[in-house]
Amino acid sequence: MCLGQLGSLLPHVVVPSILAAFLIPEWQLSGAQAGLLAGSGAAGYMLAVPVLATLTDRIDARKILIAGSLVSALGTLLFGLFATGLWSGALFNAIAGIGFAGAYMPGLKALTDRLAPGDSSRAITFYTSSFSFGVGLSFLVSQLVADSFGWRSAFYVTALGPVVMLGVCLLLRPVTPRPAQGRLLDFAPVFRNTRAMGFVLGYGAHCFELYGIRTWLVAFWTFVIARNGQSSFFSPIVVSVVFSLLAMPASILGNELALKFGRHRAITAVMLSSAVVALLIGVFSDQSPLLLLPLMLVYAITVPADSGALTSGMSMAAHPDYRGATMAAHSTVGFSLSALGAWGVGVALDLAGGPLSATAWMAAFSVLAAGILLGPVALYWSRTSTPRV
């Protein structure tokens, strides 16, 4: 399943990868428009995942996974073939996002349905952390293909990735979930589970920060290199790929820390650290790459280190009869705030002078820091509120 997810994720950041070098200048996009374009995939995901993930409580998640992989490939291919501006690009990116809604959380449900009873924390963390490895691969392939063969070719090539997950699906044994009770989109039992909702809302804060930096990472490092008037071995391609690859061990380490020191305590410490690092990057955004690179590497660890712990915490806190619905809420909140993070950073850039201004990047990283600080608030609320039944 982890290998299949690498294929599913190959198209995942193709739009942010080529945004600064190709789409913004060719389509004359503002920061807010670029953020809207990049966030449209998360918006499509957000609209579809409540139904698709909740359905996994009723039918084998493998069936949804197959359909989602096909739609993801189709949306990516349509973008490469027919996108000519903001709105057509946003439409096709949203279609790809809808497909991914049938691939990521249904894939997690397909995995957990086939695990032996017991603590699944590490298995879930490996699945969620392979997400980051897949994103790094997506950054690498997208930028290399776009630079060599044009940006439309990046979509043609990455559209082939979801086919890998289709092959994995053929190897999964059929599983029939226990008959679910209640209506399909009845999230009331999920919302009453305050222990699980703390992780869900914390995941939303995590996604706001994560997708905000992923969308604008290439643009930021392009600004850093251009401002210093020098080429660097640490090009935007190298920095974006390394940033993503560090997320996999960071997520695994974060979950291990959660198992050792307590989930809420470890997640809160990671989120507070991430906010501090984001502010430092913003303050020193006009300085040398030699100063900024170590900060970016630390940020590459703090941003994803809470991901596995949040998702495994949600899964273990969920009621077994509503695990699919809880995963749906988890993803809906997460990707809603992902879209908001991409757009919000773009708006901050516009308001503070544009992506060629150091002041604007200070504002952008301040927005990211403010977003992740909502996570500890959500976790504190879940600990102190009275559970409802």
Protein backbone atom coordinates (compact mmCIF):
# COMPACT_ATOMS: atom_id res chain seq x y z
CA MET A 1 0.00 0.00 0.00
CA CYS A 2 2.87 2.38 0.68
CA LEU A 3 4.32 1.67 -2.76
CA GLY A 4 0.92 2.13 -4.35
CA GLN A 5 0.56 5.45 -2.59
CA LEU A 6 3.80 6.67 -4.17
CA GLY A 7 2.09 6.21 -7.52
CA SER A 8 -1.09 7.93 -6.34
CA LEU A 9 0.98 10.90 -5.18
CA LEU A 10 3.00 11.38 -8.35
CA PRO A 11 0.56 14.05 -9.63
CA HIS A 12 -0.02 15.55 -6.19
CA VAL A 13 2.21 18.66 -6.29
CA VAL A 14 2.72 19.04 -10.01
CA VAL A 15 0.85 22.38 -9.93
CA PRO A 16 2.90 23.90 -7.04
CA SER A 17 6.08 22.51 -8.64
CA ILE A 18 5.65 24.46 -11.87
CA LEU A 19 3.70 27.43 -10.50
CA ALA A 20 6.53 29.95 -10.09
CA ALA A 21 8.52 29.12 -13.23
CA PHE A 22 5.70 28.49 -15.70
CA LEU A 23 2.08 29.13 -14.72
CA ILE A 24 2.37 32.45 -12.86
CA PRO A 25 4.27 34.22 -15.69
CA GLU A 26 2.40 32.53 -18.56
CA TRP A 27 -1.07 33.07 -17.12
CA GLN A 28 -0.17 36.35 -15.34
CA LEU A 29 -1.47 35.19 -11.96
CA SER A 30 -1.44 37.19 -8.73
CA GLY A 31 -0.42 35.52 -5.49
CA ALA A 32 -4.05 34.99 -4.48
CA GLN A 33 -4.90 33.53 -7.89
CA ALA A 34 -1.90 31.21 -7.78
CA GLY A 35 -2.89 30.07 -4.30
CA LEU A 36 -6.45 29.48 -5.51
CA LEU A 37 -5.19 27.40 -8.44
CA ALA A 38 -2.93 25.29 -6.23
CA GLY A 39 -5.61 24.95 -3.56
CA SER A 40 -8.31 23.84 -6.01
CA GLY A 41 -7.06 20.26 -5.80
CA ALA A 42 -7.52 20.30 -2.02
CA ALA A 43 -10.95 21.89 -2.51
CA GLY A 44 -12.04 19.06 -4.84
CA TYR A 45 -10.74 16.58 -2.31
CA MET A 46 -12.64 18.30 0.49
CA LEU A 47 -15.95 18.14 -1.41
CA ALA A 48 -15.68 14.44 -2.26
CA VAL A 49 -14.03 12.85 0.75
CA PRO A 50 -17.01 13.01 3.16
CA VAL A 51 -18.99 10.67 0.91
CA LEU A 52 -16.14 8.51 -0.37
CA ALA A 53 -14.43 7.89 2.97
CA THR A 54 -17.73 7.30 4.78
CA LEU A 55 -18.72 4.74 2.13
CA THR A 56 -15.78 2.62 3.29
CA ASP A 57 -17.85 1.76 6.40
CA ARG A 58 -20.33 0.08 4.02
CA ILE A 59 -18.39 -1.34 1.07
CA ASP A 60 -14.87 -2.63 0.51
CA ALA A 61 -12.55 0.40 0.42
CA ARG A 62 -10.63 -1.29 -2.41
CA LYS A 63 -13.50 -0.55 -4.84
CA ILE A 64 -13.42 3.16 -4.01
CA LEU A 65 -9.64 3.13 -4.26
CA ILE A 66 -9.80 1.79 -7.82
CA ALA A 67 -12.33 4.42 -8.94
CA GLY A 68 -10.44 7.24 -7.23
CA SER A 69 -7.16 6.28 -8.88
CA LEU A 70 -8.77 6.36 -12.33
CA VAL A 71 -10.33 9.81 -11.75
CA SER A 72 -7.05 11.19 -10.38
CA ALA A 73 -5.21 10.10 -13.52
CA LEU A 74 -7.95 11.57 -15.71
CA GLY A 75 -7.97 14.99 -14.02
CA THR A 76 -4.18 15.25 -14.25
CA LEU A 77 -4.21 14.33 -17.93
CA LEU A 78 -7.01 16.84 -18.70
CA PHE A 79 -4.98 19.63 -17.06
CA GLY A 80 -2.03 18.91 -19.33
CA LEU A 81 -4.20 18.69 -22.44
CA PHE A 82 -6.70 21.53 -22.03
CA ALA A 83 -5.84 23.97 -19.20
CA THR A 84 -5.39 27.50 -20.57
CA GLY A 85 -5.81 29.74 -17.52
CA LEU A 86 -6.87 30.04 -13.91
CA TRP A 87 -10.41 28.69 -14.12
CA SER A 88 -9.85 25.81 -16.52
CA GLY A 89 -6.74 24.84 -14.56
CA ALA A 90 -8.66 25.02 -11.27
CA LEU A 91 -11.43 22.82 -12.70
CA PHE A 92 -9.09 20.06 -13.86
CA ASN A 93 -7.03 20.27 -10.68
CA ALA A 94 -10.24 19.91 -8.66
CA ILE A 95 -11.15 16.79 -10.66
CA ALA A 96 -7.74 15.33 -9.82
CA GLY A 97 -8.39 16.25 -6.17
CA ILE A 98 -11.73 14.44 -6.24
CA GLY A 99 -9.92 11.36 -7.52
CA PHE A 100 -7.33 11.62 -4.77
CA ALA A 101 -10.20 11.76 -2.25
CA GLY A 102 -11.00 8.24 -3.40
CA ALA A 103 -7.39 7.17 -3.01
CA TYR A 104 -5.77 8.49 0.18
CA MET A 105 -8.17 7.91 3.10
CA PRO A 106 -9.92 4.97 1.40
CA GLY A 107 -6.42 3.56 0.95
CA LEU A 108 -5.78 3.98 4.67
CA LYS A 109 -9.11 2.27 5.42
CA ALA A 110 -8.25 -0.55 2.98
CA LEU A 111 -4.99 -0.99 4.89
CA THR A 112 -6.45 -0.93 8.40
CA ASP A 113 -9.26 -3.31 7.38
CA ARG A 114 -6.60 -5.87 6.49
CA LEU A 115 -4.37 -5.46 9.55
CA ALA A 116 -4.42 -7.96 12.40
CA PRO A 117 -6.15 -6.76 15.59
CA GLY A 118 -3.94 -4.77 17.93
CA ASP A 119 -2.03 -1.51 17.91
CA SER A 120 -1.85 -0.27 14.32
CA SER A 121 -0.04 2.98 15.15
CA ARG A 122 3.24 2.12 13.41
CA ALA A 123 1.56 0.69 10.28
CA ILE A 124 -0.60 3.81 9.94
CA THR A 125 2.44 6.02 10.47
CA PHE A 126 4.39 4.24 7.72
CA TYR A 127 1.46 4.80 5.37
CA THR A 128 1.04 8.47 6.27
CA SER A 129 4.79 9.14 6.21
CA SER A 130 5.16 7.54 2.77
CA PHE A 131 2.89 10.39 1.69
CA SER A 132 5.85 12.72 2.13
CA PHE A 133 8.18 10.48 0.14
CA GLY A 134 5.61 10.49 -2.66
CA VAL A 135 5.38 14.28 -2.54
CA GLY A 136 9.18 14.52 -2.86
CA LEU A 137 9.05 12.24 -5.88
CA SER A 138 6.27 14.38 -7.35
CA PHE A 139 8.34 17.57 -6.87
CA LEU A 140 11.35 15.93 -8.52
CA VAL A 141 9.62 14.37 -11.52
CA SER A 142 7.37 17.37 -12.18
CA GLN A 143 10.17 19.93 -12.23
CA LEU A 144 12.64 17.80 -14.20
CA VAL A 145 10.08 16.92 -16.87
CA ALA A 146 8.75 20.50 -17.08
CA ASP A 147 12.25 21.95 -17.45
CA SER A 148 13.20 19.42 -20.14
CA PHE A 149 10.00 18.97 -22.14
CA GLY A 150 7.60 21.77 -21.15
CA TRP A 151 5.09 22.07 -18.33
CA ARG A 152 2.30 20.16 -20.09
CA SER A 153 4.53 17.10 -20.33
CA ALA A 154 4.81 17.09 -16.54
CA PHE A 155 1.08 16.38 -16.36
CA TYR A 156 1.24 13.65 -19.02
CA VAL A 157 3.99 11.81 -17.14
CA THR A 158 2.60 12.16 -13.62
CA ALA A 159 -0.86 11.04 -14.78
CA LEU A 160 0.65 7.55 -15.11
CA GLY A 161 1.37 7.35 -11.37
CA PRO A 162 -2.10 6.28 -10.13
CA VAL A 163 -1.89 3.22 -12.38
CA VAL A 164 0.58 1.79 -9.83
CA MET A 165 -2.11 1.86 -7.15
CA LEU A 166 -4.48 0.07 -9.51
CA GLY A 167 -1.96 -2.77 -9.69
CA VAL A 168 -1.71 -2.89 -5.90
CA CYS A 169 -5.50 -3.08 -5.61
CA LEU A 170 -5.52 -6.29 -7.64
CA LEU A 171 -3.33 -7.90 -4.97
CA LEU A 172 -5.59 -7.00 -2.02
CA ARG A 173 -7.91 -9.71 -0.73
CA PRO A 174 -11.60 -8.71 -0.63
CA VAL A 175 -12.92 -7.48 2.73
CA THR A 176 -16.55 -6.81 3.57
CA PRO A 177 -17.04 -4.28 6.40
CA ARG A 178 -19.52 -4.97 9.16
CA PRO A 179 -22.95 -3.48 8.35
CA ALA A 180 -22.89 0.18 9.38
CA GLN A 181 -25.64 1.72 11.48
CA GLY A 182 -27.36 5.02 10.77
CA ARG A 183 -27.39 7.31 7.76
CA LEU A 184 -24.50 7.56 5.30
CA LEU A 185 -23.43 11.11 6.18
CA ASP A 186 -24.34 11.05 9.86
CA PHE A 187 -21.30 12.69 11.46
CA ALA A 188 -22.98 13.33 14.81
CA PRO A 189 -21.27 10.33 16.49
CA VAL A 190 -17.93 11.60 15.17
CA PHE A 191 -18.44 15.14 16.47
CA ARG A 192 -19.47 13.79 19.88
CA ASN A 193 -16.16 11.96 20.14
CA THR A 194 -14.17 14.92 21.46
CA ARG A 195 -11.04 12.81 21.90
CA ALA A 196 -10.96 12.03 18.18
CA MET A 197 -12.03 15.56 17.21
CA GLY A 198 -9.00 17.03 18.98
CA PHE A 199 -6.77 15.10 16.59
CA VAL A 200 -9.00 16.02 13.63
CA LEU A 201 -8.79 19.76 14.36
CA GLY A 202 -5.07 19.48 15.11
CA TYR A 203 -4.65 17.80 11.73
CA GLY A 204 -6.40 20.77 10.14
CA ALA A 205 -3.82 23.15 11.63
CA HIS A 206 -1.06 20.82 10.44
CA CYS A 207 -2.47 20.75 6.89
CA PHE A 208 -2.81 24.54 6.77
CA GLU A 209 0.89 24.90 7.45
CA LEU A 210 2.00 21.93 5.36
CA TYR A 211 0.12 22.80 2.18
CA GLY A 212 0.90 26.49 2.58
CA ILE A 213 4.65 25.82 2.52
CA ARG A 214 4.41 23.10 -0.14
CA THR A 215 2.54 25.43 -2.48
CA TRP A 216 5.00 28.29 -2.08
CA LEU A 217 8.27 26.48 -1.31
CA VAL A 218 9.61 26.59 -4.87
CA ALA A 219 8.61 30.25 -5.24
CA PHE A 220 10.26 31.18 -1.94
CA TRP A 221 13.55 29.49 -2.72
CA THR A 222 13.51 31.00 -6.22
CA PHE A 223 13.23 34.40 -4.49
CA VAL A 224 16.13 33.56 -2.13
CA ILE A 225 18.45 32.53 -4.97
CA ALA A 226 17.47 35.51 -7.18
CA ARG A 227 17.89 38.04 -4.36
CA ASN A 228 21.42 36.88 -3.66
CA GLY A 229 22.35 37.12 -7.33
CA GLN A 230 23.99 33.73 -7.46
CA SER A 231 23.32 30.23 -8.64
CA SER A 232 23.37 27.56 -6.00
CA PHE A 233 23.78 23.82 -5.88
CA PHE A 234 20.77 23.95 -3.61
CA SER A 235 18.38 24.88 -6.39
CA PRO A 236 14.59 25.05 -5.92
CA ILE A 237 14.36 21.48 -7.24
CA VAL A 238 16.90 20.16 -4.71
CA VAL A 239 15.42 22.09 -1.79
CA SER A 240 11.82 21.07 -2.53
CA VAL A 241 12.74 17.39 -2.91
CA VAL A 242 14.93 17.29 0.22
CA PHE A 243 12.25 19.20 2.15
CA SER A 244 9.70 16.53 1.22
CA LEU A 245 11.96 13.52 1.75
CA LEU A 246 12.85 14.60 5.29
CA ALA A 247 9.16 14.44 6.13
CA MET A 248 9.05 10.63 6.08
CA PRO A 249 11.61 10.01 8.88
CA ALA A 250 10.29 13.10 10.70
CA SER A 251 6.75 11.71 10.76
CA ILE A 252 7.93 8.29 11.96
CA LEU A 253 10.11 9.89 14.65
CA GLY A 254 7.23 12.12 15.74
CA ASN A 255 4.98 9.11 16.23
CA GLU A 256 7.67 7.26 18.20
CA LEU A 257 8.04 10.32 20.46
CA ALA A 258 4.26 10.33 20.88
CA LEU A 259 4.33 6.68 21.95
CA LYS A 260 7.12 7.38 24.45
CA PHE A 261 6.18 10.76 25.94
CA GLY A 262 2.45 10.98 25.31
CA ARG A 263 0.66 11.89 22.10
CA HIS A 264 -0.71 15.31 23.10
CA ARG A 265 2.54 16.42 24.73
CA ALA A 266 4.71 15.41 21.75
CA ILE A 267 2.40 16.93 19.13
CA THR A 268 2.11 20.21 21.04
CA ALA A 269 5.90 20.49 21.38
CA VAL A 270 6.36 19.88 17.65
CA MET A 271 3.74 22.47 16.67
CA LEU A 272 5.16 25.17 18.92
CA SER A 273 8.66 24.49 17.55
CA SER A 274 7.38 24.72 13.99
CA ALA A 275 5.79 28.11 14.61
CA VAL A 276 9.07 29.47 16.00
CA VAL A 277 11.08 28.18 13.02
CA ALA A 278 8.56 29.65 10.55
CA LEU A 279 8.90 33.07 12.16
CA LEU A 280 12.71 32.84 12.04
CA ILE A 281 12.62 32.03 8.32
CA GLY A 282 10.38 35.02 7.74
CA VAL A 283 12.66 37.35 9.71
CA PHE A 284 15.76 36.21 7.80
CA SER A 285 14.08 35.82 4.39
CA ASP A 286 16.36 38.46 2.84
CA GLN A 287 19.56 36.82 4.09
CA SER A 288 22.03 34.41 2.46
CA PRO A 289 20.95 30.89 1.41
CA LEU A 290 23.71 29.63 3.73
CA LEU A 291 21.76 31.02 6.69
CA LEU A 292 18.31 30.10 5.43
CA LEU A 293 19.09 26.55 4.33
CA PRO A 294 19.66 25.15 7.86
CA LEU A 295 16.43 26.82 8.99
CA MET A 296 14.57 25.28 6.05
CA LEU A 297 15.96 21.84 6.89
CA VAL A 298 14.78 22.19 10.48
CA TYR A 299 11.39 23.36 9.19
CA ALA A 300 11.28 20.32 6.91
CA ILE A 301 11.35 18.21 10.09
CA THR A 302 9.01 20.21 12.33
CA VAL A 303 6.24 20.67 9.74
CA PRO A 304 5.51 16.94 9.15
CA ALA A 305 6.65 15.51 12.50
CA ASP A 306 3.11 15.68 13.92
CA SER A 307 1.37 14.07 10.93
CA GLY A 308 1.67 10.38 11.76
CA ALA A 309 0.93 10.96 15.44
CA LEU A 310 -2.22 12.95 14.60
CA THR A 311 -3.58 10.43 12.09
CA SER A 312 -2.82 7.34 14.16
CA GLY A 313 -4.27 9.11 17.21
CA MET A 314 -7.46 9.84 15.27
CA SER A 315 -7.74 6.25 14.05
CA MET A 316 -7.26 4.77 17.51
CA ALA A 317 -9.66 7.26 19.14
CA ALA A 318 -12.38 6.62 16.57
CA HIS A 319 -15.28 4.32 17.40
CA PRO A 320 -14.84 1.11 15.35
CA ASP A 321 -18.30 1.46 13.78
CA TYR A 322 -17.54 5.01 12.64
CA ARG A 323 -13.88 4.78 11.71
CA GLY A 324 -14.57 5.52 8.02
CA ALA A 325 -16.73 8.51 8.95
CA THR A 326 -14.05 9.74 11.37
CA MET A 327 -11.43 9.43 8.62
CA ALA A 328 -13.79 11.39 6.36
CA ALA A 329 -14.03 14.20 8.92
CA HIS A 330 -10.25 14.07 9.40
CA SER A 331 -9.60 14.51 5.69
CA THR A 332 -12.37 17.05 5.12
CA VAL A 333 -11.06 19.36 7.84
CA GLY A 334 -7.46 18.76 6.81
CA PHE A 335 -7.86 19.48 3.13
CA SER A 336 -10.27 22.37 3.70
CA LEU A 337 -7.51 24.06 5.63
CA SER A 338 -4.96 22.92 3.03
CA ALA A 339 -6.80 24.94 0.39
CA LEU A 340 -7.07 27.86 2.81
CA GLY A 341 -3.34 27.66 3.58
CA ALA A 342 -2.32 27.82 -0.09
CA TRP A 343 -4.65 30.75 -0.75
CA GLY A 344 -3.96 32.55 2.53
CA VAL A 345 -0.21 32.65 1.94
CA GLY A 346 -0.83 33.99 -1.57
CA VAL A 347 -3.07 36.74 -0.19
CA ALA A 348 -0.42 37.65 2.40
CA LEU A 349 2.17 37.91 -0.35
CA ASP A 350 -0.06 40.21 -2.41
CA LEU A 351 -0.92 42.48 0.52
CA ALA A 352 2.70 42.84 1.66
CA GLY A 353 4.33 43.61 -1.69
CA GLY A 354 4.41 40.45 -3.80
CA PRO A 355 6.71 37.43 -3.98
CA LEU A 356 9.75 39.58 -4.85
CA SER A 357 9.59 41.35 -1.46
CA ALA A 358 11.26 40.13 1.72
CA THR A 359 8.54 41.86 3.73
CA ALA A 360 5.94 39.81 1.88
CA TRP A 361 7.69 36.56 2.78
CA MET A 362 7.82 37.68 6.42
CA ALA A 363 4.04 38.08 6.24
CA ALA A 364 3.66 34.70 4.51
CA PHE A 365 5.61 32.79 7.16
CA SER A 366 3.75 34.65 9.90
CA VAL A 367 0.51 33.31 8.44
CA LEU A 368 1.93 29.77 8.52
CA ALA A 369 3.03 30.21 12.15
CA ALA A 370 -0.39 31.50 13.17
CA GLY A 371 -2.07 28.55 11.50
CA ILE A 372 -0.06 25.84 13.24
CA LEU A 373 -0.53 27.49 16.65
CA LEU A 374 -4.21 26.59 16.45
CA GLY A 375 -3.23 22.93 16.79
CA PRO A 376 -2.22 23.02 20.48
CA VAL A 377 -5.45 24.93 21.19
CA ALA A 378 -7.50 22.11 19.64
CA LEU A 379 -5.63 19.45 21.59
CA TYR A 380 -6.07 21.34 24.85
CA TRP A 381 -9.81 21.64 24.15
CA SER A 382 -10.13 17.90 23.56
CA ARG A 383 -8.41 17.14 26.88
CA THR A 384 -10.49 19.54 28.94
CA SER A 385 -13.96 19.18 27.36
CA THR A 386 -16.40 16.66 28.76
CA PRO A 387 -16.85 13.67 26.39
CA ARG A 388 -20.40 13.40 25.03
CA VAL A 389 -22.23 10.18 24.30
